[in-house]
Amino acid sequence: MAHVRVTKRFHFEMAHTLYEYDGLCKNIHGHSYNLEVTISGKPLNQPGHPKDGMILDFSDLKEIVKTNITQRFDHSLMVNHLVSEEQMDLLKKTTSRLIVVDFQPTTENIVAYIAGILQQHLPNGVSLYSIRLYETITSFAEWFASDN
């Protein structure tokens, strides 16, 4: 049976700020993120089985991404843990959906962060092949397992 890749697209709205950045992105701002998750594996080869021919049911992939990424990230604010305690306290007063990370929340770092999360939740026999995260319609970052 051939090795196959399948991709599912997702969408979420999220704000972020780049700690001590020297441009406009130092300000809190949001994006309409589009996320493409590609998995790989060998399709099930069990004639008569309802999931015969599938690597992973698209609904199962949707649930994994929804539970671990989109529900958590959607309408949240992501900030670097280096933000001062005073600023962090103010942010906590303005949102109940604050995600504090130990990196600068650039698209490049967020796509790698998402990959790390998803790799922990895929079933045996299913591999994360790549992730593409669009910050805008014309700008995206990609993560490939083969590079990591």
N, C-alpha and C. Protein backbone atom coordinates (compact mmCIF):
# COMPACT_ATOMS: atom_id res chain seq x y z
N MET A 1 0.85 -1.18 0.00
CA MET A 1 0.00 0.00 0.00
C MET A 1 0.90 1.25 0.00
N ALA A 2 0.55 2.20 -0.81
CA ALA A 2 1.34 3.42 -0.97
C ALA A 2 1.24 4.32 0.26
N HIS A 3 2.29 5.07 0.47
CA HIS A 3 2.31 6.10 1.50
C HIS A 3 1.60 7.33 0.92
N VAL A 4 0.68 7.93 1.67
CA VAL A 4 -0.14 9.02 1.17
C VAL A 4 -0.13 10.18 2.16
N ARG A 5 -0.34 11.38 1.62
CA ARG A 5 -0.49 12.58 2.46
C ARG A 5 -1.88 13.16 2.25
N VAL A 6 -2.47 13.64 3.33
CA VAL A 6 -3.74 14.35 3.24
C VAL A 6 -3.63 15.65 4.04
N THR A 7 -4.39 16.65 3.60
CA THR A 7 -4.33 17.98 4.22
C THR A 7 -5.73 18.46 4.57
N LYS A 8 -5.83 19.11 5.71
CA LYS A 8 -7.08 19.74 6.13
C LYS A 8 -6.77 21.17 6.51
N ARG A 9 -7.69 22.08 6.14
CA ARG A 9 -7.53 23.51 6.43
C ARG A 9 -8.39 23.92 7.62
N PHE A 10 -7.85 24.88 8.37
CA PHE A 10 -8.53 25.42 9.55
C PHE A 10 -8.39 26.93 9.56
N HIS A 11 -9.17 27.57 10.40
CA HIS A 11 -9.14 29.04 10.49
C HIS A 11 -9.34 29.45 11.95
N PHE A 12 -8.62 30.49 12.36
CA PHE A 12 -8.85 31.09 13.68
C PHE A 12 -8.40 32.53 13.65
N GLU A 13 -8.96 33.30 14.55
CA GLU A 13 -8.60 34.72 14.73
C GLU A 13 -7.75 34.82 15.99
N MET A 14 -6.61 35.49 15.91
CA MET A 14 -5.77 35.61 17.09
C MET A 14 -4.98 36.92 17.03
N ALA A 15 -4.77 37.49 18.19
CA ALA A 15 -3.95 38.70 18.30
C ALA A 15 -2.60 38.32 18.90
N HIS A 16 -1.62 39.16 18.62
CA HIS A 16 -0.31 38.98 19.24
C HIS A 16 0.40 40.33 19.27
N THR A 17 1.51 40.34 19.93
CA THR A 17 2.38 41.51 19.98
C THR A 17 3.81 41.00 20.01
N LEU A 18 4.70 41.69 19.33
CA LEU A 18 6.10 41.26 19.30
C LEU A 18 6.90 42.10 20.29
N TYR A 19 7.42 41.42 21.28
CA TYR A 19 8.13 42.05 22.38
C TYR A 19 9.32 42.89 21.89
N GLU A 20 9.29 44.18 22.23
CA GLU A 20 10.35 45.15 21.93
C GLU A 20 10.73 45.21 20.45
N TYR A 21 9.81 44.87 19.59
CA TYR A 21 10.02 44.92 18.14
C TYR A 21 10.19 46.38 17.71
N ASP A 22 10.94 46.62 16.65
CA ASP A 22 11.24 47.99 16.22
C ASP A 22 10.29 48.49 15.12
N GLY A 23 9.12 47.90 15.03
CA GLY A 23 8.14 48.31 14.02
C GLY A 23 6.73 48.26 14.59
N LEU A 24 5.76 48.37 13.72
CA LEU A 24 4.36 48.42 14.13
C LEU A 24 3.89 47.18 14.87
N CYS A 25 4.51 46.05 14.63
CA CYS A 25 4.06 44.80 15.25
C CYS A 25 4.37 44.72 16.75
N LYS A 26 5.01 45.78 17.30
CA LYS A 26 5.18 45.82 18.75
C LYS A 26 3.84 46.12 19.42
N ASN A 27 2.89 46.64 18.64
CA ASN A 27 1.55 46.93 19.15
C ASN A 27 0.68 45.69 19.05
N ILE A 28 -0.27 45.56 19.95
CA ILE A 28 -1.22 44.45 19.88
C ILE A 28 -2.02 44.60 18.59
N HIS A 29 -2.05 43.52 17.82
CA HIS A 29 -2.80 43.50 16.57
C HIS A 29 -3.22 42.07 16.28
N GLY A 30 -4.20 41.91 15.41
CA GLY A 30 -4.72 40.58 15.16
C GLY A 30 -4.60 40.16 13.71
N HIS A 31 -4.76 38.87 13.51
CA HIS A 31 -4.72 38.28 12.18
C HIS A 31 -5.84 37.26 12.04
N SER A 32 -6.27 37.05 10.82
CA SER A 32 -7.16 35.95 10.48
C SER A 32 -6.26 34.83 9.96
N TYR A 33 -5.88 33.93 10.85
CA TYR A 33 -4.94 32.87 10.50
C TYR A 33 -5.64 31.74 9.75
N ASN A 34 -4.99 31.24 8.73
CA ASN A 34 -5.41 30.03 8.04
C ASN A 34 -4.31 29.00 8.24
N LEU A 35 -4.70 27.82 8.63
CA LEU A 35 -3.78 26.76 9.00
C LEU A 35 -4.04 25.54 8.12
N GLU A 36 -3.00 25.01 7.51
CA GLU A 36 -3.10 23.78 6.73
C GLU A 36 -2.24 22.73 7.42
N VAL A 37 -2.87 21.63 7.78
CA VAL A 37 -2.18 20.54 8.46
C VAL A 37 -2.15 19.34 7.51
N THR A 38 -0.94 18.87 7.21
CA THR A 38 -0.77 17.72 6.33
C THR A 38 -0.19 16.57 7.14
N ILE A 39 -0.89 15.45 7.07
CA ILE A 39 -0.42 14.24 7.74
C ILE A 39 -0.06 13.20 6.68
N SER A 40 0.71 12.21 7.08
CA SER A 40 1.09 11.15 6.14
C SER A 40 1.01 9.80 6.83
N GLY A 41 0.86 8.80 6.00
CA GLY A 41 0.80 7.44 6.51
C GLY A 41 0.32 6.50 5.43
N LYS A 42 0.16 5.26 5.80
CA LYS A 42 -0.37 4.27 4.88
C LYS A 42 -1.86 4.11 5.15
N PRO A 43 -2.68 4.25 4.12
CA PRO A 43 -4.11 4.07 4.31
C PRO A 43 -4.43 2.67 4.84
N LEU A 44 -5.45 2.59 5.66
CA LEU A 44 -5.91 1.32 6.20
C LEU A 44 -6.26 0.39 5.03
N ASN A 45 -5.78 -0.83 5.09
CA ASN A 45 -6.05 -1.81 4.04
C ASN A 45 -6.81 -2.97 4.66
N GLN A 46 -8.10 -2.72 4.92
CA GLN A 46 -8.97 -3.73 5.49
C GLN A 46 -10.30 -3.69 4.75
N PRO A 47 -10.38 -4.35 3.59
CA PRO A 47 -11.63 -4.33 2.82
C PRO A 47 -12.83 -4.68 3.70
N GLY A 48 -13.87 -3.88 3.55
CA GLY A 48 -15.07 -4.07 4.36
C GLY A 48 -15.10 -3.22 5.61
N HIS A 49 -13.94 -2.75 6.05
CA HIS A 49 -13.89 -1.87 7.23
C HIS A 49 -14.39 -0.49 6.80
N PRO A 50 -15.20 0.16 7.63
CA PRO A 50 -15.74 1.47 7.24
C PRO A 50 -14.66 2.53 6.97
N LYS A 51 -13.48 2.37 7.54
CA LYS A 51 -12.42 3.36 7.33
C LYS A 51 -11.31 2.83 6.42
N ASP A 52 -11.64 1.77 5.67
CA ASP A 52 -10.70 1.23 4.70
C ASP A 52 -10.30 2.33 3.72
N GLY A 53 -9.00 2.45 3.47
CA GLY A 53 -8.51 3.46 2.54
C GLY A 53 -8.17 4.80 3.18
N MET A 54 -8.36 4.94 4.49
CA MET A 54 -8.08 6.21 5.18
C MET A 54 -6.79 6.11 5.98
N ILE A 55 -6.04 7.23 6.01
CA ILE A 55 -4.91 7.36 6.93
C ILE A 55 -5.48 7.67 8.31
N LEU A 56 -6.36 8.67 8.31
CA LEU A 56 -7.05 9.12 9.52
C LEU A 56 -8.31 9.80 9.02
N ASP A 57 -9.44 9.47 9.62
CA ASP A 57 -10.69 10.10 9.22
C ASP A 57 -10.54 11.62 9.36
N PHE A 58 -10.96 12.37 8.33
CA PHE A 58 -10.87 13.84 8.40
C PHE A 58 -11.56 14.38 9.64
N SER A 59 -12.64 13.74 10.07
CA SER A 59 -13.33 14.23 11.28
C SER A 59 -12.46 14.03 12.52
N ASP A 60 -11.66 12.99 12.55
CA ASP A 60 -10.74 12.77 13.68
C ASP A 60 -9.62 13.81 13.67
N LEU A 61 -9.08 14.11 12.48
CA LEU A 61 -8.06 15.15 12.38
C LEU A 61 -8.64 16.49 12.80
N LYS A 62 -9.85 16.77 12.35
CA LYS A 62 -10.51 18.02 12.73
C LYS A 62 -10.64 18.13 14.24
N GLU A 63 -11.02 17.06 14.89
CA GLU A 63 -11.19 17.09 16.35
C GLU A 63 -9.86 17.31 17.06
N ILE A 64 -8.79 16.68 16.58
CA ILE A 64 -7.46 16.87 17.19
C ILE A 64 -7.03 18.33 17.08
N VAL A 65 -7.17 18.92 15.90
CA VAL A 65 -6.74 20.30 15.70
C VAL A 65 -7.67 21.26 16.45
N LYS A 66 -8.95 21.01 16.39
CA LYS A 66 -9.92 21.87 17.08
C LYS A 66 -9.65 21.89 18.59
N THR A 67 -9.50 20.71 19.18
CA THR A 67 -9.31 20.60 20.62
C THR A 67 -7.99 21.23 21.08
N ASN A 68 -6.92 21.02 20.33
CA ASN A 68 -5.59 21.43 20.79
C ASN A 68 -5.10 22.77 20.24
N ILE A 69 -5.70 23.24 19.15
CA ILE A 69 -5.22 24.48 18.53
C ILE A 69 -6.34 25.52 18.42
N THR A 70 -7.30 25.27 17.55
CA THR A 70 -8.25 26.35 17.23
C THR A 70 -9.09 26.79 18.43
N GLN A 71 -9.57 25.88 19.23
CA GLN A 71 -10.35 26.30 20.40
C GLN A 71 -9.50 27.08 21.39
N ARG A 72 -8.25 26.75 21.47
CA ARG A 72 -7.34 27.43 22.40
C ARG A 72 -6.87 28.78 21.86
N PHE A 73 -6.56 28.84 20.56
CA PHE A 73 -5.99 30.04 19.98
C PHE A 73 -7.03 31.07 19.54
N ASP A 74 -8.21 30.61 19.13
CA ASP A 74 -9.20 31.52 18.55
C ASP A 74 -9.60 32.62 19.54
N HIS A 75 -9.54 33.84 19.07
CA HIS A 75 -9.87 35.04 19.86
C HIS A 75 -9.04 35.15 21.14
N SER A 76 -7.79 34.74 21.05
CA SER A 76 -6.87 34.88 22.17
C SER A 76 -5.80 35.92 21.81
N LEU A 77 -5.00 36.23 22.80
CA LEU A 77 -3.86 37.14 22.65
C LEU A 77 -2.61 36.37 23.05
N MET A 78 -1.64 36.26 22.14
CA MET A 78 -0.40 35.55 22.41
C MET A 78 0.71 36.56 22.65
N VAL A 79 1.41 36.40 23.79
CA VAL A 79 2.50 37.31 24.13
C VAL A 79 3.71 36.53 24.63
N ASN A 80 4.86 37.14 24.46
CA ASN A 80 6.13 36.61 24.95
C ASN A 80 6.18 36.74 26.47
N HIS A 81 6.70 35.73 27.14
CA HIS A 81 6.79 35.76 28.61
C HIS A 81 7.71 36.88 29.12
N LEU A 82 8.47 37.50 28.24
CA LEU A 82 9.36 38.58 28.66
C LEU A 82 8.64 39.91 28.91
N VAL A 83 7.35 39.97 28.55
CA VAL A 83 6.55 41.18 28.82
C VAL A 83 6.58 41.42 30.33
N SER A 84 6.70 42.67 30.74
CA SER A 84 6.81 42.99 32.16
C SER A 84 5.60 42.51 32.95
N GLU A 85 5.80 42.25 34.22
CA GLU A 85 4.73 41.79 35.10
C GLU A 85 3.59 42.80 35.14
N GLU A 86 3.95 44.08 35.15
CA GLU A 86 2.93 45.14 35.17
C GLU A 86 2.07 45.09 33.90
N GLN A 87 2.70 44.97 32.75
CA GLN A 87 1.96 44.88 31.49
C GLN A 87 1.13 43.59 31.44
N MET A 88 1.69 42.51 31.94
CA MET A 88 0.99 41.23 31.95
C MET A 88 -0.29 41.34 32.79
N ASP A 89 -0.19 42.01 33.94
CA ASP A 89 -1.37 42.21 34.80
C ASP A 89 -2.44 43.02 34.08
N LEU A 90 -2.03 44.04 33.33
CA LEU A 90 -2.99 44.83 32.58
C LEU A 90 -3.65 44.00 31.48
N LEU A 91 -2.86 43.20 30.79
CA LEU A 91 -3.41 42.36 29.73
C LEU A 91 -4.42 41.37 30.29
N LYS A 92 -4.13 40.81 31.46
CA LYS A 92 -5.05 39.85 32.08
C LYS A 92 -6.38 40.49 32.44
N LYS A 93 -6.38 41.82 32.63
CA LYS A 93 -7.62 42.54 32.92
C LYS A 93 -8.45 42.77 31.67
N THR A 94 -7.79 42.69 30.50
CA THR A 94 -8.50 42.98 29.25
C THR A 94 -8.95 41.72 28.50
N THR A 95 -8.38 40.57 28.86
CA THR A 95 -8.76 39.34 28.16
C THR A 95 -8.66 38.14 29.10
N SER A 96 -9.56 37.21 28.90
CA SER A 96 -9.49 35.95 29.64
C SER A 96 -8.79 34.88 28.80
N ARG A 97 -8.38 35.27 27.60
CA ARG A 97 -7.76 34.32 26.67
C ARG A 97 -6.33 34.76 26.34
N LEU A 98 -5.50 34.77 27.35
CA LEU A 98 -4.11 35.17 27.19
C LEU A 98 -3.24 33.92 27.12
N ILE A 99 -2.44 33.82 26.07
CA ILE A 99 -1.50 32.72 25.91
C ILE A 99 -0.09 33.30 26.05
N VAL A 100 0.60 32.89 27.09
CA VAL A 100 1.96 33.37 27.34
C VAL A 100 2.91 32.27 26.90
N VAL A 101 3.80 32.61 25.97
CA VAL A 101 4.74 31.64 25.42
C VAL A 101 6.18 32.07 25.71
N ASP A 102 7.09 31.12 25.63
CA ASP A 102 8.49 31.42 25.92
C ASP A 102 9.29 31.72 24.66
N PHE A 103 8.62 32.33 23.68
CA PHE A 103 9.27 32.72 22.43
C PHE A 103 8.59 33.97 21.89
N GLN A 104 9.24 34.62 20.95
CA GLN A 104 8.65 35.76 20.25
C GLN A 104 7.54 35.19 19.35
N PRO A 105 6.28 35.63 19.50
CA PRO A 105 5.19 35.00 18.75
C PRO A 105 5.08 35.44 17.29
N THR A 106 6.13 35.15 16.55
CA THR A 106 6.13 35.36 15.10
C THR A 106 5.42 34.18 14.44
N THR A 107 5.05 34.34 13.20
CA THR A 107 4.41 33.24 12.49
C THR A 107 5.35 32.03 12.41
N GLU A 108 6.63 32.29 12.22
CA GLU A 108 7.61 31.20 12.15
C GLU A 108 7.63 30.39 13.45
N ASN A 109 7.64 31.09 14.57
CA ASN A 109 7.67 30.39 15.86
C ASN A 109 6.33 29.74 16.18
N ILE A 110 5.23 30.38 15.81
CA ILE A 110 3.91 29.82 16.09
C ILE A 110 3.70 28.52 15.30
N VAL A 111 4.14 28.48 14.04
CA VAL A 111 3.95 27.26 13.25
C VAL A 111 4.74 26.10 13.86
N ALA A 112 5.93 26.36 14.38
CA ALA A 112 6.72 25.30 15.03
C ALA A 112 6.06 24.88 16.35
N TYR A 113 5.50 25.83 17.06
CA TYR A 113 4.79 25.56 18.32
C TYR A 113 3.58 24.65 18.05
N ILE A 114 2.82 24.97 17.02
CA ILE A 114 1.66 24.16 16.65
C ILE A 114 2.10 22.74 16.30
N ALA A 115 3.19 22.62 15.54
CA ALA A 115 3.70 21.29 15.17
C ALA A 115 4.03 20.48 16.41
N GLY A 116 4.69 21.10 17.37
CA GLY A 116 5.03 20.39 18.61
C GLY A 116 3.81 19.89 19.36
N ILE A 117 2.77 20.69 19.36
CA ILE A 117 1.53 20.29 20.03
C ILE A 117 0.87 19.13 19.28
N LEU A 118 0.71 19.27 17.98
CA LEU A 118 -0.01 18.26 17.21
C LEU A 118 0.71 16.92 17.18
N GLN A 119 2.03 16.94 17.14
CA GLN A 119 2.79 15.68 17.11
C GLN A 119 2.47 14.80 18.31
N GLN A 120 2.12 15.41 19.42
CA GLN A 120 1.82 14.66 20.64
C GLN A 120 0.44 13.99 20.61
N HIS A 121 -0.41 14.41 19.67
CA HIS A 121 -1.80 13.96 19.69
C HIS A 121 -2.22 13.11 18.50
N LEU A 122 -1.31 12.84 17.58
CA LEU A 122 -1.66 12.01 16.44
C LEU A 122 -1.54 10.53 16.81
N PRO A 123 -2.44 9.71 16.30
CA PRO A 123 -2.38 8.28 16.63
C PRO A 123 -1.19 7.59 15.99
N ASN A 124 -0.87 6.41 16.48
CA ASN A 124 0.21 5.60 15.92
C ASN A 124 -0.04 5.35 14.44
N GLY A 125 1.02 5.40 13.66
CA GLY A 125 0.92 5.16 12.23
C GLY A 125 0.61 6.40 11.41
N VAL A 126 0.34 7.50 12.10
CA VAL A 126 0.05 8.77 11.43
C VAL A 126 1.15 9.75 11.81
N SER A 127 1.77 10.37 10.81
CA SER A 127 2.85 11.32 11.06
C SER A 127 2.44 12.71 10.61
N LEU A 128 2.93 13.70 11.32
CA LEU A 128 2.76 15.08 10.88
C LEU A 128 3.79 15.32 9.79
N TYR A 129 3.34 15.64 8.60
CA TYR A 129 4.23 15.85 7.47
C TYR A 129 4.63 17.32 7.36
N SER A 130 3.62 18.21 7.41
CA SER A 130 3.91 19.64 7.31
C SER A 130 2.75 20.46 7.85
N ILE A 131 3.07 21.70 8.14
CA ILE A 131 2.06 22.68 8.55
C ILE A 131 2.37 23.98 7.81
N ARG A 132 1.34 24.60 7.33
CA ARG A 132 1.46 25.92 6.71
C ARG A 132 0.52 26.84 7.47
N LEU A 133 1.07 27.94 7.99
CA LEU A 133 0.27 28.90 8.75
C LEU A 133 0.31 30.24 8.04
N TYR A 134 -0.85 30.65 7.52
CA TYR A 134 -0.99 31.94 6.86
C TYR A 134 -1.32 32.99 7.90
N GLU A 135 -0.49 34.02 7.99
CA GLU A 135 -0.77 35.16 8.86
C GLU A 135 -1.65 36.17 8.11
N THR A 136 -1.40 36.31 6.83
CA THR A 136 -2.22 37.13 5.95
C THR A 136 -2.46 36.32 4.68
N ILE A 137 -3.20 36.86 3.76
CA ILE A 137 -3.47 36.15 2.50
C ILE A 137 -2.17 35.90 1.73
N THR A 138 -1.20 36.80 1.87
CA THR A 138 0.03 36.70 1.08
C THR A 138 1.26 36.27 1.86
N SER A 139 1.13 36.03 3.17
CA SER A 139 2.30 35.70 4.00
C SER A 139 2.03 34.46 4.85
N PHE A 140 2.96 33.51 4.77
CA PHE A 140 2.82 32.30 5.56
C PHE A 140 4.18 31.76 5.95
N ALA A 141 4.17 30.90 6.97
CA ALA A 141 5.36 30.15 7.37
C ALA A 141 5.03 28.67 7.28
N GLU A 142 6.04 27.87 6.98
CA GLU A 142 5.84 26.43 6.84
C GLU A 142 6.78 25.67 7.77
N TRP A 143 6.30 24.54 8.24
CA TRP A 143 7.09 23.61 9.04
C TRP A 143 7.00 22.26 8.34
N PHE A 144 8.15 21.62 8.14
CA PHE A 144 8.18 20.28 7.56
C PHE A 144 8.90 19.33 8.51
N ALA A 145 8.33 18.17 8.72
CA ALA A 145 8.95 17.17 9.59
C ALA A 145 10.34 16.82 9.09
N SER A 146 10.52 16.75 7.78
CA SER A 146 11.82 16.36 7.20
C SER A 146 12.93 17.36 7.54
N ASP A 147 12.57 18.58 7.89
CA ASP A 147 13.56 19.59 8.26
C ASP A 147 13.88 19.57 9.75
N ASN A 148 13.09 18.84 10.50
CA ASN A 148 13.22 18.87 11.95
C ASN A 148 13.59 17.51 12.46
